[in-house]
Each structure stands twice: as structure tokens, then as C-alpha cells.
Amino acid sequence: MLWLKAFHVVFVVTWFAGLFYLPRLFIYHVGISEAAGIARFRVMERRLFAIMSIGAVLAVLLGLAMVISSPGYLALPWLRVKLLLVAGLVGYHAWCYRLMLALRVGTGARSARWYRMFNEVPGLFLIAIVVLAIVKPAL
């Protein structure tokens, strides 16, 4: 179980690094108008999304492996709330993908301010998930 947990944390960190940085790239992307710069951001976004997706898949799979190895944890309310937050994070990840595709084709661009606000969302998820996993509050 400790090996699963250790690698779960490694891939969660990988995932969150991408979730924090990809929207930052979106901010820079919408602020540039030269073709070479736009092309550069498209490549950076695509590559970062691939890396963070690998982190996401492995984090989720290792998390599921931990639940399968100790199914009794599912009875604990803090874990159920954490899993709901992880589902929300997967939704945020998918939303990032849609935004990336829209920027790639040049449609649906939002303001840099909007992307700055969007960039704060994974931080809120991170705080809630870490508190639940470490404190394990009785909900």
C-alpha cells in the first residue's frame, strides 16, 4: 500500500503541475498576436497537456488500486468527498482540453482576466483534497 501511495503522490504532483501551468499558457496565448508566438504556444500547450494527462491517468489508476486494496475506506465520508473532488478535477482537466482546442483553431478565446480566474480553480481543489487526505475529518 505504501508503494501505491508514494507513486500516487508523484503522479498527483505531475498532474497538478500541468493543471497550474496550462491555464497560465492560455493567458500568454491570448495576449500574443504574432503567428510564430501563437504556433509556439500551441505546441507548448499540446505537449504539456499530454504530460499532465499521463500524470492524471496514473494518479487515478493508483488511487483506484489503493481503494481496491482497502475497500473499507469507501465507508469513510472524507474519502467519498475526496473522490467527488477528484471527479470535479477530471472535469476541469477536460475543460482545459476544450479550451486548448478552441485556442488552437482560434475560436472561443476568452480574456486574459478570465483565464487568470480559471487558473485559480485547481488551487482550491488541491487545498480541499490535501486537507481531506491528511486530516481525514469526520464529516
N, C-alpha and C. Protein backbone atom coordinates (compact mmCIF):
# COMPACT_ATOMS: atom_id res chain seq x y z
N MET A 1 0.82 -1.20 0.00
CA MET A 1 0.00 0.00 0.00
C MET A 1 0.87 1.27 0.00
N LEU A 2 1.98 1.26 0.71
CA LEU A 2 2.84 2.45 0.76
C LEU A 2 3.46 2.76 -0.59
N TRP A 3 3.80 1.73 -1.37
CA TRP A 3 4.34 1.96 -2.72
C TRP A 3 3.27 2.58 -3.61
N LEU A 4 2.04 2.08 -3.51
CA LEU A 4 0.95 2.67 -4.29
C LEU A 4 0.76 4.13 -3.91
N LYS A 5 0.76 4.41 -2.62
CA LYS A 5 0.56 5.77 -2.14
C LYS A 5 1.69 6.69 -2.60
N ALA A 6 2.93 6.21 -2.51
CA ALA A 6 4.08 7.03 -2.91
C ALA A 6 3.99 7.41 -4.39
N PHE A 7 3.72 6.44 -5.25
CA PHE A 7 3.64 6.76 -6.67
C PHE A 7 2.36 7.52 -7.01
N HIS A 8 1.31 7.30 -6.25
CA HIS A 8 0.09 8.09 -6.42
C HIS A 8 0.42 9.57 -6.20
N VAL A 9 1.14 9.87 -5.14
CA VAL A 9 1.51 11.26 -4.84
C VAL A 9 2.40 11.82 -5.95
N VAL A 10 3.35 11.05 -6.44
CA VAL A 10 4.23 11.52 -7.52
C VAL A 10 3.39 11.93 -8.73
N PHE A 11 2.43 11.12 -9.11
CA PHE A 11 1.65 11.43 -10.30
C PHE A 11 0.60 12.50 -10.04
N VAL A 12 0.14 12.64 -8.81
CA VAL A 12 -0.74 13.76 -8.47
C VAL A 12 0.04 15.07 -8.63
N VAL A 13 1.28 15.08 -8.16
CA VAL A 13 2.12 16.28 -8.31
C VAL A 13 2.32 16.60 -9.80
N THR A 14 2.57 15.60 -10.59
CA THR A 14 2.73 15.79 -12.04
C THR A 14 1.46 16.39 -12.65
N TRP A 15 0.34 15.83 -12.26
CA TRP A 15 -0.95 16.28 -12.78
C TRP A 15 -1.19 17.74 -12.40
N PHE A 16 -0.99 18.05 -11.12
CA PHE A 16 -1.25 19.41 -10.66
C PHE A 16 -0.28 20.41 -11.27
N ALA A 17 0.95 20.02 -11.51
CA ALA A 17 1.89 20.93 -12.17
C ALA A 17 1.31 21.37 -13.51
N GLY A 18 0.76 20.42 -14.25
CA GLY A 18 0.13 20.75 -15.53
C GLY A 18 -1.13 21.58 -15.36
N LEU A 19 -1.94 21.24 -14.35
CA LEU A 19 -3.18 21.98 -14.13
C LEU A 19 -2.91 23.42 -13.72
N PHE A 20 -1.79 23.66 -13.05
CA PHE A 20 -1.43 25.02 -12.68
C PHE A 20 -0.83 25.78 -13.86
N TYR A 21 -0.07 25.11 -14.71
CA TYR A 21 0.67 25.81 -15.75
C TYR A 21 -0.09 25.95 -17.07
N LEU A 22 -0.92 24.99 -17.43
CA LEU A 22 -1.62 25.07 -18.72
C LEU A 22 -2.50 26.32 -18.81
N PRO A 23 -3.32 26.62 -17.82
CA PRO A 23 -4.09 27.87 -17.92
C PRO A 23 -3.21 29.12 -17.97
N ARG A 24 -2.04 29.06 -17.34
CA ARG A 24 -1.09 30.18 -17.43
C ARG A 24 -0.64 30.34 -18.88
N LEU A 25 -0.41 29.23 -19.57
CA LEU A 25 -0.06 29.30 -21.00
C LEU A 25 -1.21 29.92 -21.80
N PHE A 26 -2.45 29.59 -21.41
CA PHE A 26 -3.60 30.18 -22.09
C PHE A 26 -3.58 31.71 -21.95
N ILE A 27 -3.23 32.20 -20.77
CA ILE A 27 -3.16 33.64 -20.53
C ILE A 27 -2.17 34.28 -21.50
N TYR A 28 -1.00 33.67 -21.60
CA TYR A 28 0.02 34.21 -22.51
C TYR A 28 -0.41 34.06 -23.97
N HIS A 29 -1.07 32.94 -24.27
CA HIS A 29 -1.51 32.66 -25.64
C HIS A 29 -2.45 33.76 -26.14
N VAL A 30 -3.45 34.13 -25.32
CA VAL A 30 -4.42 35.13 -25.78
C VAL A 30 -3.81 36.53 -25.83
N GLY A 31 -2.66 36.71 -25.19
CA GLY A 31 -2.03 38.02 -25.19
C GLY A 31 -1.04 38.24 -26.32
N ILE A 32 -0.89 37.28 -27.19
CA ILE A 32 0.10 37.39 -28.27
C ILE A 32 -0.63 37.41 -29.61
N SER A 33 -0.06 38.15 -30.56
CA SER A 33 -0.73 38.24 -31.87
C SER A 33 0.13 37.76 -33.03
N GLU A 34 1.43 37.62 -32.81
CA GLU A 34 2.29 37.19 -33.92
C GLU A 34 2.14 35.69 -34.19
N ALA A 35 2.16 35.31 -35.42
CA ALA A 35 1.92 33.92 -35.83
C ALA A 35 2.92 32.94 -35.22
N ALA A 36 4.18 33.32 -35.18
CA ALA A 36 5.21 32.42 -34.63
C ALA A 36 4.97 32.18 -33.14
N GLY A 37 4.58 33.21 -32.43
CA GLY A 37 4.30 33.08 -31.00
C GLY A 37 3.09 32.20 -30.75
N ILE A 38 2.05 32.38 -31.53
CA ILE A 38 0.85 31.56 -31.40
C ILE A 38 1.18 30.10 -31.67
N ALA A 39 1.96 29.85 -32.70
CA ALA A 39 2.36 28.47 -33.03
C ALA A 39 3.16 27.86 -31.88
N ARG A 40 4.03 28.65 -31.28
CA ARG A 40 4.85 28.16 -30.16
C ARG A 40 3.95 27.78 -28.97
N PHE A 41 2.96 28.62 -28.67
CA PHE A 41 2.07 28.30 -27.56
C PHE A 41 1.22 27.06 -27.85
N ARG A 42 0.80 26.89 -29.09
CA ARG A 42 0.04 25.69 -29.44
C ARG A 42 0.85 24.43 -29.17
N VAL A 43 2.12 24.44 -29.52
CA VAL A 43 3.00 23.29 -29.28
C VAL A 43 3.20 23.07 -27.78
N MET A 44 3.48 24.15 -27.07
CA MET A 44 3.71 24.03 -25.62
C MET A 44 2.46 23.49 -24.91
N GLU A 45 1.30 23.99 -25.28
CA GLU A 45 0.04 23.54 -24.67
C GLU A 45 -0.21 22.07 -24.95
N ARG A 46 0.01 21.67 -26.20
CA ARG A 46 -0.23 20.27 -26.57
C ARG A 46 0.69 19.33 -25.80
N ARG A 47 1.96 19.68 -25.72
CA ARG A 47 2.92 18.82 -25.02
C ARG A 47 2.64 18.77 -23.53
N LEU A 48 2.35 19.93 -22.94
CA LEU A 48 2.04 19.94 -21.51
C LEU A 48 0.78 19.14 -21.22
N PHE A 49 -0.22 19.28 -22.08
CA PHE A 49 -1.46 18.53 -21.87
C PHE A 49 -1.20 17.03 -21.91
N ALA A 50 -0.34 16.58 -22.81
CA ALA A 50 -0.02 15.15 -22.89
C ALA A 50 0.64 14.67 -21.60
N ILE A 51 1.60 15.43 -21.10
CA ILE A 51 2.30 15.04 -19.87
C ILE A 51 1.35 15.04 -18.68
N MET A 52 0.53 16.09 -18.57
CA MET A 52 -0.37 16.15 -17.42
C MET A 52 -1.46 15.09 -17.52
N SER A 53 -1.82 14.69 -18.72
CA SER A 53 -2.82 13.62 -18.88
C SER A 53 -2.25 12.28 -18.43
N ILE A 54 -0.99 12.04 -18.73
CA ILE A 54 -0.34 10.82 -18.24
C ILE A 54 -0.34 10.82 -16.71
N GLY A 55 0.02 11.97 -16.12
CA GLY A 55 0.00 12.09 -14.67
C GLY A 55 -1.38 11.85 -14.11
N ALA A 56 -2.40 12.40 -14.76
CA ALA A 56 -3.78 12.24 -14.30
C ALA A 56 -4.22 10.78 -14.34
N VAL A 57 -3.96 10.13 -15.46
CA VAL A 57 -4.37 8.72 -15.60
C VAL A 57 -3.68 7.85 -14.56
N LEU A 58 -2.39 8.05 -14.39
CA LEU A 58 -1.66 7.22 -13.42
C LEU A 58 -2.07 7.55 -11.98
N ALA A 59 -2.33 8.82 -11.68
CA ALA A 59 -2.79 9.18 -10.34
C ALA A 59 -4.13 8.53 -10.05
N VAL A 60 -5.04 8.58 -11.00
CA VAL A 60 -6.37 7.98 -10.80
C VAL A 60 -6.26 6.46 -10.70
N LEU A 61 -5.48 5.84 -11.57
CA LEU A 61 -5.33 4.37 -11.52
C LEU A 61 -4.71 3.91 -10.20
N LEU A 62 -3.69 4.61 -9.74
CA LEU A 62 -3.07 4.24 -8.47
C LEU A 62 -4.01 4.50 -7.30
N GLY A 63 -4.80 5.56 -7.38
CA GLY A 63 -5.81 5.82 -6.36
C GLY A 63 -6.84 4.71 -6.33
N LEU A 64 -7.28 4.28 -7.51
CA LEU A 64 -8.24 3.15 -7.57
C LEU A 64 -7.61 1.87 -7.04
N ALA A 65 -6.33 1.66 -7.32
CA ALA A 65 -5.64 0.47 -6.81
C ALA A 65 -5.62 0.49 -5.28
N MET A 66 -5.43 1.66 -4.70
CA MET A 66 -5.44 1.76 -3.23
C MET A 66 -6.83 1.45 -2.67
N VAL A 67 -7.86 1.96 -3.33
CA VAL A 67 -9.23 1.69 -2.88
C VAL A 67 -9.55 0.20 -3.02
N ILE A 68 -9.12 -0.40 -4.11
CA ILE A 68 -9.36 -1.83 -4.32
C ILE A 68 -8.63 -2.66 -3.27
N SER A 69 -7.41 -2.24 -2.90
CA SER A 69 -6.65 -3.00 -1.91
C SER A 69 -7.18 -2.80 -0.50
N SER A 70 -7.90 -1.72 -0.25
CA SER A 70 -8.50 -1.47 1.07
C SER A 70 -9.90 -0.89 0.88
N PRO A 71 -10.86 -1.71 0.44
CA PRO A 71 -12.19 -1.19 0.12
C PRO A 71 -12.95 -0.64 1.32
N GLY A 72 -12.53 -0.97 2.52
CA GLY A 72 -13.20 -0.45 3.71
C GLY A 72 -13.14 1.07 3.80
N TYR A 73 -12.15 1.68 3.17
CA TYR A 73 -12.02 3.14 3.18
C TYR A 73 -13.20 3.84 2.51
N LEU A 74 -13.88 3.13 1.62
CA LEU A 74 -15.02 3.73 0.93
C LEU A 74 -16.16 4.07 1.89
N ALA A 75 -16.16 3.46 3.06
CA ALA A 75 -17.19 3.76 4.05
C ALA A 75 -16.93 5.09 4.76
N LEU A 76 -15.74 5.62 4.61
CA LEU A 76 -15.37 6.86 5.29
C LEU A 76 -15.85 8.07 4.48
N PRO A 77 -16.60 8.96 5.12
CA PRO A 77 -17.15 10.12 4.38
C PRO A 77 -16.07 11.01 3.76
N TRP A 78 -14.94 11.19 4.41
CA TRP A 78 -13.90 12.07 3.85
C TRP A 78 -13.40 11.55 2.52
N LEU A 79 -13.31 10.21 2.38
CA LEU A 79 -12.82 9.65 1.11
C LEU A 79 -13.86 9.83 0.01
N ARG A 80 -15.12 9.68 0.36
CA ARG A 80 -16.16 9.87 -0.65
C ARG A 80 -16.18 11.32 -1.15
N VAL A 81 -15.99 12.28 -0.23
CA VAL A 81 -15.93 13.69 -0.64
C VAL A 81 -14.68 13.91 -1.49
N LYS A 82 -13.56 13.31 -1.09
CA LYS A 82 -12.33 13.45 -1.86
C LYS A 82 -12.53 12.91 -3.28
N LEU A 83 -13.18 11.77 -3.40
CA LEU A 83 -13.41 11.19 -4.72
C LEU A 83 -14.32 12.08 -5.57
N LEU A 84 -15.28 12.74 -4.95
CA LEU A 84 -16.12 13.70 -5.69
C LEU A 84 -15.28 14.87 -6.19
N LEU A 85 -14.37 15.34 -5.34
CA LEU A 85 -13.48 16.43 -5.76
C LEU A 85 -12.56 15.99 -6.89
N VAL A 86 -12.09 14.75 -6.83
CA VAL A 86 -11.24 14.23 -7.91
C VAL A 86 -12.06 14.16 -9.21
N ALA A 87 -13.32 13.75 -9.11
CA ALA A 87 -14.18 13.74 -10.30
C ALA A 87 -14.31 15.16 -10.86
N GLY A 88 -14.46 16.14 -9.98
CA GLY A 88 -14.51 17.54 -10.42
C GLY A 88 -13.22 17.97 -11.09
N LEU A 89 -12.11 17.49 -10.55
CA LEU A 89 -10.80 17.81 -11.12
C LEU A 89 -10.64 17.18 -12.51
N VAL A 90 -11.17 15.99 -12.68
CA VAL A 90 -11.16 15.36 -14.01
C VAL A 90 -11.98 16.21 -14.98
N GLY A 91 -13.11 16.74 -14.50
CA GLY A 91 -13.92 17.64 -15.32
C GLY A 91 -13.17 18.91 -15.68
N TYR A 92 -12.43 19.46 -14.74
CA TYR A 92 -11.61 20.65 -15.00
C TYR A 92 -10.55 20.33 -16.05
N HIS A 93 -9.95 19.16 -15.94
CA HIS A 93 -8.94 18.70 -16.89
C HIS A 93 -9.55 18.65 -18.30
N ALA A 94 -10.76 18.09 -18.40
CA ALA A 94 -11.44 18.00 -19.69
C ALA A 94 -11.77 19.40 -20.22
N TRP A 95 -12.14 20.31 -19.33
CA TRP A 95 -12.43 21.68 -19.72
C TRP A 95 -11.16 22.34 -20.28
N CYS A 96 -10.01 22.08 -19.65
CA CYS A 96 -8.74 22.58 -20.16
C CYS A 96 -8.51 22.10 -21.59
N TYR A 97 -8.85 20.85 -21.84
CA TYR A 97 -8.67 20.29 -23.18
C TYR A 97 -9.53 21.05 -24.19
N ARG A 98 -10.78 21.29 -23.83
CA ARG A 98 -11.68 22.01 -24.73
C ARG A 98 -11.19 23.43 -24.99
N LEU A 99 -10.70 24.09 -23.94
CA LEU A 99 -10.15 25.44 -24.10
C LEU A 99 -8.92 25.42 -25.01
N MET A 100 -8.08 24.41 -24.82
CA MET A 100 -6.88 24.29 -25.63
C MET A 100 -7.25 24.10 -27.11
N LEU A 101 -8.24 23.26 -27.38
CA LEU A 101 -8.67 23.06 -28.76
C LEU A 101 -9.24 24.34 -29.36
N ALA A 102 -10.02 25.08 -28.57
CA ALA A 102 -10.60 26.34 -29.06
C ALA A 102 -9.49 27.34 -29.38
N LEU A 103 -8.47 27.42 -28.52
CA LEU A 103 -7.35 28.32 -28.81
C LEU A 103 -6.57 27.86 -30.03
N ARG A 104 -6.47 26.57 -30.22
CA ARG A 104 -5.72 26.04 -31.36
C ARG A 104 -6.32 26.47 -32.68
N VAL A 105 -7.66 26.48 -32.74
CA VAL A 105 -8.31 26.85 -34.00
C VAL A 105 -8.68 28.33 -34.04
N GLY A 106 -8.40 29.05 -32.94
CA GLY A 106 -8.63 30.48 -32.93
C GLY A 106 -10.06 30.90 -32.65
N THR A 107 -10.86 30.01 -32.07
CA THR A 107 -12.24 30.36 -31.74
C THR A 107 -12.45 30.32 -30.23
N GLY A 108 -13.43 31.03 -29.78
CA GLY A 108 -13.81 30.97 -28.37
C GLY A 108 -12.78 31.50 -27.40
N ALA A 109 -11.87 32.33 -27.87
CA ALA A 109 -10.86 32.88 -26.96
C ALA A 109 -11.54 33.78 -25.94
N ARG A 110 -11.17 33.61 -24.71
CA ARG A 110 -11.69 34.44 -23.63
C ARG A 110 -10.62 35.45 -23.26
N SER A 111 -10.95 36.31 -22.35
CA SER A 111 -10.00 37.34 -21.95
C SER A 111 -8.90 36.75 -21.06
N ALA A 112 -7.78 37.45 -21.02
CA ALA A 112 -6.69 37.03 -20.13
C ALA A 112 -7.17 37.03 -18.68
N ARG A 113 -8.02 37.98 -18.33
CA ARG A 113 -8.57 38.04 -16.96
C ARG A 113 -9.37 36.78 -16.64
N TRP A 114 -10.18 36.33 -17.60
CA TRP A 114 -10.97 35.12 -17.38
C TRP A 114 -10.04 33.92 -17.14
N TYR A 115 -9.00 33.81 -17.96
CA TYR A 115 -8.06 32.71 -17.78
C TYR A 115 -7.32 32.80 -16.45
N ARG A 116 -7.07 34.03 -15.97
CA ARG A 116 -6.44 34.18 -14.65
C ARG A 116 -7.34 33.63 -13.56
N MET A 117 -8.62 33.90 -13.64
CA MET A 117 -9.58 33.36 -12.66
C MET A 117 -9.67 31.83 -12.79
N PHE A 118 -9.73 31.37 -14.01
CA PHE A 118 -9.79 29.93 -14.28
C PHE A 118 -8.56 29.23 -13.71
N ASN A 119 -7.42 29.90 -13.75
CA ASN A 119 -6.17 29.35 -13.27
C ASN A 119 -6.16 29.11 -11.76
N GLU A 120 -7.05 29.77 -11.03
CA GLU A 120 -7.10 29.62 -9.56
C GLU A 120 -7.87 28.38 -9.12
N VAL A 121 -8.68 27.83 -9.97
CA VAL A 121 -9.55 26.72 -9.61
C VAL A 121 -8.79 25.49 -9.10
N PRO A 122 -7.73 25.02 -9.77
CA PRO A 122 -7.07 23.82 -9.26
C PRO A 122 -6.44 24.02 -7.88
N GLY A 123 -6.08 25.25 -7.53
CA GLY A 123 -5.54 25.51 -6.20
C GLY A 123 -6.58 25.24 -5.12
N LEU A 124 -7.83 25.59 -5.41
CA LEU A 124 -8.91 25.32 -4.45
C LEU A 124 -9.14 23.82 -4.31
N PHE A 125 -9.11 23.12 -5.43
CA PHE A 125 -9.23 21.66 -5.38
C PHE A 125 -8.09 21.05 -4.57
N LEU A 126 -6.88 21.53 -4.82
CA LEU A 126 -5.71 20.99 -4.13
C LEU A 126 -5.83 21.16 -2.61
N ILE A 127 -6.21 22.34 -2.16
CA ILE A 127 -6.35 22.57 -0.73
C ILE A 127 -7.36 21.61 -0.12
N ALA A 128 -8.52 21.52 -0.74
CA ALA A 128 -9.57 20.66 -0.21
C ALA A 128 -9.16 19.19 -0.19
N ILE A 129 -8.55 18.72 -1.27
CA ILE A 129 -8.16 17.31 -1.37
C ILE A 129 -7.07 16.98 -0.37
N VAL A 130 -6.07 17.84 -0.24
CA VAL A 130 -4.98 17.58 0.72
C VAL A 130 -5.51 17.58 2.14
N VAL A 131 -6.36 18.54 2.49
CA VAL A 131 -6.93 18.57 3.84
C VAL A 131 -7.71 17.29 4.12
N LEU A 132 -8.52 16.86 3.18
CA LEU A 132 -9.28 15.62 3.38
C LEU A 132 -8.36 14.42 3.53
N ALA A 133 -7.33 14.32 2.70
CA ALA A 133 -6.44 13.15 2.74
C ALA A 133 -5.56 13.12 3.98
N ILE A 134 -5.16 14.28 4.48
CA ILE A 134 -4.24 14.31 5.63
C ILE A 134 -5.01 14.36 6.96
N VAL A 135 -5.99 15.25 7.06
CA VAL A 135 -6.73 15.44 8.31
C VAL A 135 -7.77 14.34 8.51
N LYS A 136 -8.34 13.86 7.43
CA LYS A 136 -9.39 12.83 7.47
C LYS A 136 -10.51 13.24 8.44
N PRO A 137 -11.13 14.40 8.18
CA PRO A 137 -12.14 14.89 9.13
C PRO A 137 -13.37 14.00 9.18
N ALA A 138 -14.01 13.99 10.33
CA ALA A 138 -15.27 13.26 10.48
C ALA A 138 -16.36 14.18 9.94
N LEU A 139 -16.87 13.88 8.79
CA LEU A 139 -17.86 14.76 8.16
C LEU A 139 -19.27 14.40 8.55
